[in-house]
Amino acid sequence: MFESILKNELYMGYIFGIMILGGFIREYHALEDVYSLAKKYVRDNRVLIMITSLLGGILPIPGRVALSAPLLDAIAPADKKKRSSFGIIDYLSTHHYYWWSPLEKTVVLPMAVMGVSYSAFLGMVAVPLIITLAYTWWYIFSKVDPSTVHIMDGVREFNWRRALRGWAPMIATVILLLNTGKGGAIFFFPWFGAMCAYYSIIYKDWKWGRWIDAKFAIIASVVLAFSGIIGQIKGPVMEYLNSATPEMLIPASLVAMVAAFLMGSSGKYAGMTSALVAIFGPQYLVWFLTTEYSGYLLSPAHKCLMIGQQYFGTPIRKYYKVIGGLCGILIGYGAFTLAF
């Protein structure tokens, strides 16, 4: 258990690093050149938000929310109420990935259990994927006033050297995570320290402390530790699921959903889904995925919730209201597949 907690706490290096990098990006407009250039070709600010969020959502790296948050933060309005929607956008835009990415356990494990091809799997989950994407785009276009989005209209001419200099830490971090995945967590503290030092040298500013929220850091550390502790229930839960009988379809799926809610881990819910599919059959795949994916999205142990609250001040009630709406639709569709 101690090892699990320590492994989770390594992500604090990621969180501290993103806090400081985000501070540099906001104060020194480090990403402004690229956004100014994009604005010349994209007239609707909401489309630019969608492109930015989709970019974050398709990155095959751990911690997509933490990395995409500074990108959205660079164009989010200053008003606290208006910017809170960007936490939801960041969250929604980085979690459709679990429906379609061939690099994720949530796709690979069910495919292996069922012995189907990637295209066949996509055919099975096409409707939940479409629902998730459509819900994300609906939220962006219905809840965001394009006039409130901070897009740099002609603030300065595009300069590729300045743009590359500003984006270098983000690009380098993506390359690191592409090559190391979750195993790269051991490098987070030194890596992000180096990236922050890079910005400090460029902007001649070493006062990192003003961008670190001590209260948030404590909460994040506690949540990560809790996640490491609660993750220990996976063993007993898997033992229960593997002993399930055909008449236990609903009870077993609900136990898995609650476990996904408590653990807040995509890898763990992928394992539970795969076990249930092996027992009950592939015809119930969509039901298992929609229920456990929903438990995972709503989990208080989910690290992405903390990131949105830190960057955009998104209230937890707002998260549950909006994300709960998506989960309700997905579970409803999953229940529909049981009936037909």
Protein backbone atom coordinates (compact mmCIF):
# COMPACT_ATOMS: atom_id res chain seq x y z
CA MET A 1 0.00 0.00 0.00
CA PHE A 2 2.84 2.40 0.86
CA GLU A 3 4.37 1.79 -2.56
CA SER A 4 1.05 2.61 -4.24
CA ILE A 5 0.74 5.87 -2.27
CA LEU A 6 4.32 6.87 -3.07
CA LYS A 7 3.79 6.14 -6.76
CA ASN A 8 0.73 8.41 -6.80
CA GLU A 9 2.53 11.18 -4.93
CA LEU A 10 5.10 11.39 -7.74
CA TYR A 11 2.37 13.15 -9.72
CA MET A 12 2.77 16.12 -7.39
CA GLY A 13 5.84 16.96 -9.47
CA TYR A 14 3.54 17.18 -12.49
CA ILE A 15 1.00 19.30 -10.61
CA PHE A 16 3.57 21.72 -9.17
CA GLY A 17 5.25 22.00 -12.56
CA ILE A 18 2.02 22.75 -14.40
CA MET A 19 1.08 25.38 -11.77
CA ILE A 20 4.34 27.23 -12.35
CA LEU A 21 4.39 26.79 -16.13
CA GLY A 22 0.80 28.03 -16.24
CA GLY A 23 1.83 31.10 -14.28
CA PHE A 24 4.56 31.92 -16.78
CA ILE A 25 2.19 31.33 -19.71
CA ARG A 26 -0.44 33.69 -18.29
CA GLU A 27 1.88 36.45 -17.13
CA TYR A 28 4.28 36.49 -20.06
CA HIS A 29 1.84 35.40 -22.82
CA ALA A 30 4.21 32.58 -23.78
CA LEU A 31 1.70 30.92 -26.15
CA GLU A 32 0.28 34.11 -27.61
CA ASP A 33 2.00 34.05 -31.00
CA VAL A 34 0.42 30.78 -32.10
CA TYR A 35 -3.05 31.83 -30.91
CA SER A 36 -2.72 35.19 -32.65
CA LEU A 37 -1.82 33.41 -35.87
CA ALA A 38 -4.67 30.93 -35.51
CA LYS A 39 -7.14 33.74 -34.88
CA LYS A 40 -6.48 35.12 -38.35
CA TYR A 41 -7.97 31.96 -39.85
CA VAL A 42 -10.53 30.94 -37.22
CA ARG A 43 -13.25 33.56 -36.83
CA ASP A 44 -15.44 31.88 -34.20
CA ASN A 45 -13.67 31.81 -30.85
CA ARG A 46 -15.60 28.70 -29.86
CA VAL A 47 -14.10 26.81 -32.80
CA LEU A 48 -10.64 27.78 -31.58
CA ILE A 49 -11.59 26.47 -28.13
CA MET A 50 -12.77 23.22 -29.70
CA ILE A 51 -9.55 22.82 -31.70
CA THR A 52 -7.45 23.55 -28.60
CA SER A 53 -9.40 21.09 -26.46
CA LEU A 54 -9.34 18.39 -29.13
CA LEU A 55 -5.57 18.78 -29.40
CA GLY A 56 -5.31 18.09 -25.69
CA GLY A 57 -7.80 15.24 -25.95
CA ILE A 58 -5.97 13.21 -28.58
CA LEU A 59 -2.51 13.33 -27.02
CA PRO A 60 -1.57 9.71 -26.15
CA ILE A 61 0.00 10.70 -22.84
CA PRO A 62 -0.92 10.38 -19.14
CA GLY A 63 -2.22 13.52 -17.47
CA ARG A 64 -3.73 15.06 -20.62
CA VAL A 65 -5.93 17.37 -18.52
CA ALA A 66 -2.93 18.84 -16.70
CA LEU A 67 -1.13 19.55 -19.96
CA SER A 68 -4.14 20.86 -21.88
CA ALA A 69 -5.28 23.12 -19.02
CA PRO A 70 -2.56 25.76 -19.64
CA LEU A 71 -3.52 25.79 -23.34
CA LEU A 72 -7.14 26.62 -22.51
CA ASP A 73 -6.14 28.88 -19.64
CA ALA A 74 -4.27 31.08 -22.13
CA ILE A 75 -7.58 32.00 -23.81
CA ALA A 76 -9.99 31.73 -20.87
CA PRO A 77 -11.68 34.94 -19.63
CA ALA A 78 -10.57 36.52 -16.37
CA ASP A 79 -14.09 36.53 -14.90
CA LYS A 80 -14.33 33.66 -12.38
CA LYS A 81 -17.87 32.64 -13.27
CA LYS A 82 -17.27 32.64 -17.02
CA ARG A 83 -13.93 30.85 -16.85
CA SER A 84 -15.35 28.02 -14.71
CA SER A 85 -16.87 26.53 -17.88
CA PHE A 86 -13.36 25.95 -19.20
CA GLY A 87 -12.70 23.39 -16.48
CA ILE A 88 -15.65 21.38 -17.80
CA ILE A 89 -14.43 21.78 -21.39
CA ASP A 90 -10.96 20.60 -20.42
CA TYR A 91 -12.42 17.59 -18.61
CA LEU A 92 -14.83 16.56 -21.36
CA SER A 93 -12.31 17.07 -24.14
CA THR A 94 -9.67 14.81 -22.63
CA HIS A 95 -11.87 11.82 -21.74
CA HIS A 96 -13.43 10.72 -25.02
CA TYR A 97 -9.99 9.16 -25.57
CA TYR A 98 -10.93 6.12 -23.50
CA TRP A 99 -13.56 5.09 -26.03
CA TRP A 100 -11.34 4.91 -29.09
CA SER A 101 -7.57 5.00 -28.42
CA PRO A 102 -5.80 1.73 -29.31
CA LEU A 103 -3.14 2.74 -26.78
CA GLU A 104 -5.51 2.68 -23.79
CA LYS A 105 -6.27 -0.34 -21.62
CA THR A 106 -9.97 0.56 -21.83
CA VAL A 107 -9.77 -0.42 -25.51
CA VAL A 108 -6.97 -2.99 -25.60
CA LEU A 109 -8.14 -5.24 -22.75
CA PRO A 110 -11.77 -5.70 -23.92
CA MET A 111 -10.47 -6.32 -27.47
CA ALA A 112 -8.15 -9.04 -26.17
CA VAL A 113 -10.86 -10.71 -24.11
CA MET A 114 -13.35 -10.73 -26.99
CA GLY A 115 -10.74 -11.54 -29.64
CA VAL A 116 -11.99 -8.83 -32.00
CA SER A 117 -10.24 -6.37 -34.27
CA TYR A 118 -9.89 -2.67 -33.54
CA SER A 119 -12.43 -1.78 -36.23
CA ALA A 120 -14.90 -4.29 -34.79
CA PHE A 121 -14.46 -2.78 -31.33
CA LEU A 122 -15.04 0.74 -32.66
CA GLY A 123 -18.24 -0.50 -34.26
CA MET A 124 -19.42 -1.78 -30.87
CA VAL A 125 -18.72 1.49 -29.04
CA ALA A 126 -19.53 3.91 -31.86
CA VAL A 127 -22.72 5.25 -30.27
CA PRO A 128 -21.22 5.97 -26.81
CA LEU A 129 -18.26 7.64 -28.53
CA ILE A 130 -20.55 9.82 -30.65
CA ILE A 131 -22.61 10.70 -27.57
CA THR A 132 -19.47 11.76 -25.69
CA LEU A 133 -18.12 13.89 -28.56
CA ALA A 134 -21.51 15.44 -29.33
CA TYR A 135 -22.06 16.31 -25.67
CA THR A 136 -18.63 17.97 -25.52
CA TRP A 137 -19.26 20.08 -28.61
CA TRP A 138 -22.78 20.94 -27.46
CA TYR A 139 -21.37 22.26 -24.20
CA ILE A 140 -18.74 24.36 -25.95
CA PHE A 141 -21.19 25.94 -28.39
CA SER A 142 -24.09 26.39 -25.99
CA LYS A 143 -22.37 27.42 -22.75
CA VAL A 144 -19.49 29.58 -23.94
CA ASP A 145 -20.12 33.15 -25.08
CA PRO A 146 -17.54 33.76 -27.85
CA SER A 147 -17.29 37.44 -26.89
CA THR A 148 -15.89 36.53 -23.46
CA VAL A 149 -13.03 34.42 -24.77
CA HIS A 150 -9.63 36.07 -24.44
CA ILE A 151 -8.21 35.74 -27.94
CA MET A 152 -5.34 38.02 -28.87
CA ASP A 153 -6.72 40.05 -31.78
CA GLY A 154 -3.75 41.67 -33.46
CA VAL A 155 -1.83 42.08 -30.22
CA ARG A 156 1.40 41.37 -32.02
CA GLU A 157 2.63 39.94 -35.29
CA PHE A 158 3.52 36.27 -35.38
CA ASN A 159 7.19 35.56 -34.76
CA TRP A 160 8.20 31.93 -35.20
CA ARG A 161 11.31 32.21 -33.01
CA ARG A 162 9.33 33.69 -30.13
CA ALA A 163 6.54 31.14 -30.68
CA LEU A 164 8.96 28.20 -30.58
CA ARG A 165 10.65 29.62 -27.49
CA GLY A 166 7.29 29.93 -25.70
CA TRP A 167 5.98 26.51 -26.71
CA ALA A 168 9.26 24.62 -26.18
CA PRO A 169 8.49 23.34 -22.62
CA MET A 170 5.05 22.07 -23.68
CA ILE A 171 6.44 20.33 -26.77
CA ALA A 172 9.35 18.83 -24.83
CA THR A 173 6.99 17.55 -22.11
CA VAL A 174 4.73 15.88 -24.69
CA ILE A 175 7.79 14.15 -26.20
CA LEU A 176 8.89 12.97 -22.74
CA LEU A 177 5.47 11.56 -21.90
CA LEU A 178 5.11 9.91 -25.32
CA ASN A 179 8.32 8.02 -24.65
CA THR A 180 7.88 7.20 -20.97
CA GLY A 181 4.11 7.05 -20.35
CA LYS A 182 3.10 6.59 -16.72
CA GLY A 183 6.53 5.13 -16.04
CA GLY A 184 7.90 8.63 -16.46
CA ALA A 185 6.36 9.75 -13.15
CA ILE A 186 9.71 9.26 -11.43
CA PHE A 187 11.13 12.05 -13.62
CA PHE A 188 8.34 14.56 -12.97
CA PHE A 189 9.99 16.58 -10.21
CA PRO A 190 13.37 17.09 -11.94
CA TRP A 191 11.80 17.45 -15.40
CA PHE A 192 9.28 20.12 -14.51
CA GLY A 193 11.88 21.85 -12.37
CA ALA A 194 14.07 22.11 -15.48
CA MET A 195 11.16 23.37 -17.63
CA CYS A 196 10.31 26.05 -15.06
CA ALA A 197 13.98 27.05 -14.89
CA TYR A 198 13.93 27.40 -18.68
CA TYR A 199 11.09 29.94 -18.50
CA SER A 200 12.85 31.67 -15.59
CA ILE A 201 15.98 32.16 -17.66
CA ILE A 202 14.02 33.48 -20.64
CA TYR A 203 11.81 35.86 -18.67
CA LYS A 204 14.34 36.61 -15.90
CA ASP A 205 11.83 35.70 -13.21
CA TRP A 206 12.59 33.15 -10.48
CA LYS A 207 9.69 33.94 -8.16
CA TRP A 208 7.82 30.65 -8.60
CA GLY A 209 6.13 30.74 -5.21
CA ARG A 210 3.41 33.18 -6.24
CA TRP A 211 1.96 30.60 -8.64
CA ILE A 212 1.85 27.73 -6.16
CA ASP A 213 -1.44 27.37 -4.35
CA ALA A 214 -0.49 25.79 -1.00
CA LYS A 215 -4.07 24.88 -0.12
CA PHE A 216 -4.57 23.14 -3.44
CA ALA A 217 -1.23 21.36 -3.10
CA ILE A 218 -2.27 19.90 0.26
CA ILE A 219 -5.67 18.81 -1.08
CA ALA A 220 -4.05 17.25 -4.16
CA SER A 221 -1.53 15.37 -2.03
CA VAL A 222 -4.31 14.01 0.21
CA VAL A 223 -6.44 12.95 -2.78
CA LEU A 224 -3.47 11.19 -4.40
CA ALA A 225 -2.72 9.36 -1.15
CA PHE A 226 -6.39 8.40 -0.79
CA SER A 227 -6.37 7.10 -4.35
CA GLY A 228 -3.38 4.91 -3.53
CA ILE A 229 -5.12 3.51 -0.44
CA ILE A 230 -8.53 2.93 -2.00
CA GLY A 231 -6.89 1.27 -5.00
CA GLN A 232 -6.23 -1.71 -2.72
CA ILE A 233 -9.89 -2.74 -3.04
CA LYS A 234 -9.25 -3.89 -6.60
CA GLY A 235 -8.17 -7.35 -5.43
CA PRO A 236 -11.35 -8.19 -3.46
CA VAL A 237 -13.55 -6.61 -6.16
CA MET A 238 -11.94 -8.66 -8.93
CA GLU A 239 -12.33 -11.80 -6.81
CA TYR A 240 -16.05 -11.05 -6.47
CA LEU A 241 -16.47 -10.29 -10.18
CA ASN A 242 -14.63 -13.43 -11.28
CA SER A 243 -16.95 -15.54 -9.12
CA ALA A 244 -20.11 -13.94 -10.58
CA THR A 245 -22.77 -16.17 -12.11
CA PRO A 246 -25.00 -15.35 -15.14
CA GLU A 247 -27.92 -14.17 -12.99
CA MET A 248 -25.67 -11.60 -11.27
CA LEU A 249 -25.39 -9.28 -14.28
CA ILE A 250 -26.86 -6.15 -12.65
CA PRO A 251 -25.35 -6.60 -9.14
CA ALA A 252 -21.90 -7.34 -10.59
CA SER A 253 -21.99 -4.33 -12.93
CA LEU A 254 -23.11 -2.05 -10.09
CA VAL A 255 -20.31 -3.29 -7.83
CA ALA A 256 -17.84 -2.58 -10.64
CA MET A 257 -19.33 0.89 -11.16
CA VAL A 258 -19.02 1.77 -7.47
CA ALA A 259 -15.46 0.43 -7.44
CA ALA A 260 -14.62 2.58 -10.48
CA PHE A 261 -16.12 5.57 -8.65
CA LEU A 262 -14.01 4.92 -5.56
CA MET A 263 -10.74 4.19 -7.34
CA GLY A 264 -10.88 6.79 -10.14
CA SER A 265 -8.54 4.77 -12.36
CA SER A 266 -9.07 4.07 -16.06
CA GLY A 267 -6.75 1.06 -15.95
CA LYS A 268 -8.64 -0.51 -13.06
CA TYR A 269 -12.08 -0.01 -14.61
CA ALA A 270 -10.72 -1.48 -17.87
CA GLY A 271 -9.69 -4.61 -15.97
CA MET A 272 -13.11 -4.93 -14.33
CA THR A 273 -14.92 -4.44 -17.63
CA SER A 274 -12.80 -7.09 -19.29
CA ALA A 275 -13.48 -9.57 -16.47
CA LEU A 276 -17.23 -8.98 -16.75
CA VAL A 277 -17.20 -9.34 -20.54
CA ALA A 278 -15.34 -12.64 -20.18
CA ILE A 279 -18.03 -13.92 -17.79
CA PHE A 280 -21.25 -12.53 -19.26
CA GLY A 281 -20.35 -12.18 -22.93
CA PRO A 282 -19.52 -9.40 -25.44
CA GLN A 283 -23.21 -8.56 -25.93
CA TYR A 284 -23.02 -6.67 -22.63
CA LEU A 285 -19.83 -4.74 -23.45
CA VAL A 286 -21.57 -1.39 -23.92
CA TRP A 287 -23.47 -1.72 -20.64
CA PHE A 288 -20.30 -2.50 -18.69
CA LEU A 289 -18.30 0.26 -20.34
CA THR A 290 -20.96 2.96 -19.93
CA THR A 291 -21.54 2.19 -16.24
CA GLU A 292 -17.88 1.89 -15.26
CA TYR A 293 -16.76 4.81 -17.42
CA SER A 294 -19.42 6.90 -15.66
CA GLY A 295 -18.19 5.80 -12.24
CA TYR A 296 -14.65 6.73 -13.28
CA LEU A 297 -15.66 10.18 -14.60
CA LEU A 298 -17.51 11.06 -11.40
CA SER A 299 -14.87 9.73 -9.02
CA PRO A 300 -13.69 12.15 -6.30
CA ALA A 301 -10.32 10.38 -6.56
CA HIS A 302 -10.03 11.42 -10.20
CA LYS A 303 -6.96 13.68 -10.50
CA CYS A 304 -8.47 15.63 -13.41
CA LEU A 305 -11.14 17.16 -11.17
CA MET A 306 -8.42 18.79 -9.08
CA ILE A 307 -6.71 20.26 -12.12
CA GLY A 308 -9.87 21.98 -13.33
CA GLN A 309 -10.58 23.41 -9.91
CA GLN A 310 -7.04 24.76 -9.67
CA TYR A 311 -6.89 26.36 -13.09
CA PHE A 312 -10.43 27.49 -13.69
CA GLY A 313 -12.06 27.53 -10.26
CA THR A 314 -14.75 25.13 -11.46
CA PRO A 315 -17.01 24.23 -8.50
CA ILE A 316 -17.38 20.52 -7.82
CA ARG A 317 -21.18 20.93 -8.01
CA LYS A 318 -20.83 22.22 -11.56
CA TYR A 319 -18.68 19.24 -12.49
CA TYR A 320 -21.22 16.79 -11.18
CA LYS A 321 -24.12 18.61 -12.81
CA VAL A 322 -22.57 18.67 -16.28
CA ILE A 323 -20.62 15.40 -16.19
CA GLY A 324 -23.56 13.73 -14.49
CA GLY A 325 -25.73 14.70 -17.46
CA LEU A 326 -23.34 12.94 -19.84
CA CYS A 327 -23.15 9.89 -17.57
CA GLY A 328 -26.94 9.73 -17.35
CA ILE A 329 -27.24 9.66 -21.15
CA LEU A 330 -24.53 7.02 -21.48
CA ILE A 331 -26.01 4.75 -18.81
CA GLY A 332 -29.44 5.23 -20.37
CA TYR A 333 -28.10 4.07 -23.70
CA GLY A 334 -26.31 1.18 -22.00
CA ALA A 335 -29.59 0.11 -20.39
CA PHE A 336 -31.26 0.38 -23.81
CA THR A 337 -28.77 -2.14 -25.20
CA LEU A 338 -29.74 -4.57 -22.43
CA ALA A 339 -33.36 -4.45 -23.49
CA PHE A 340 -32.61 -4.95 -27.17
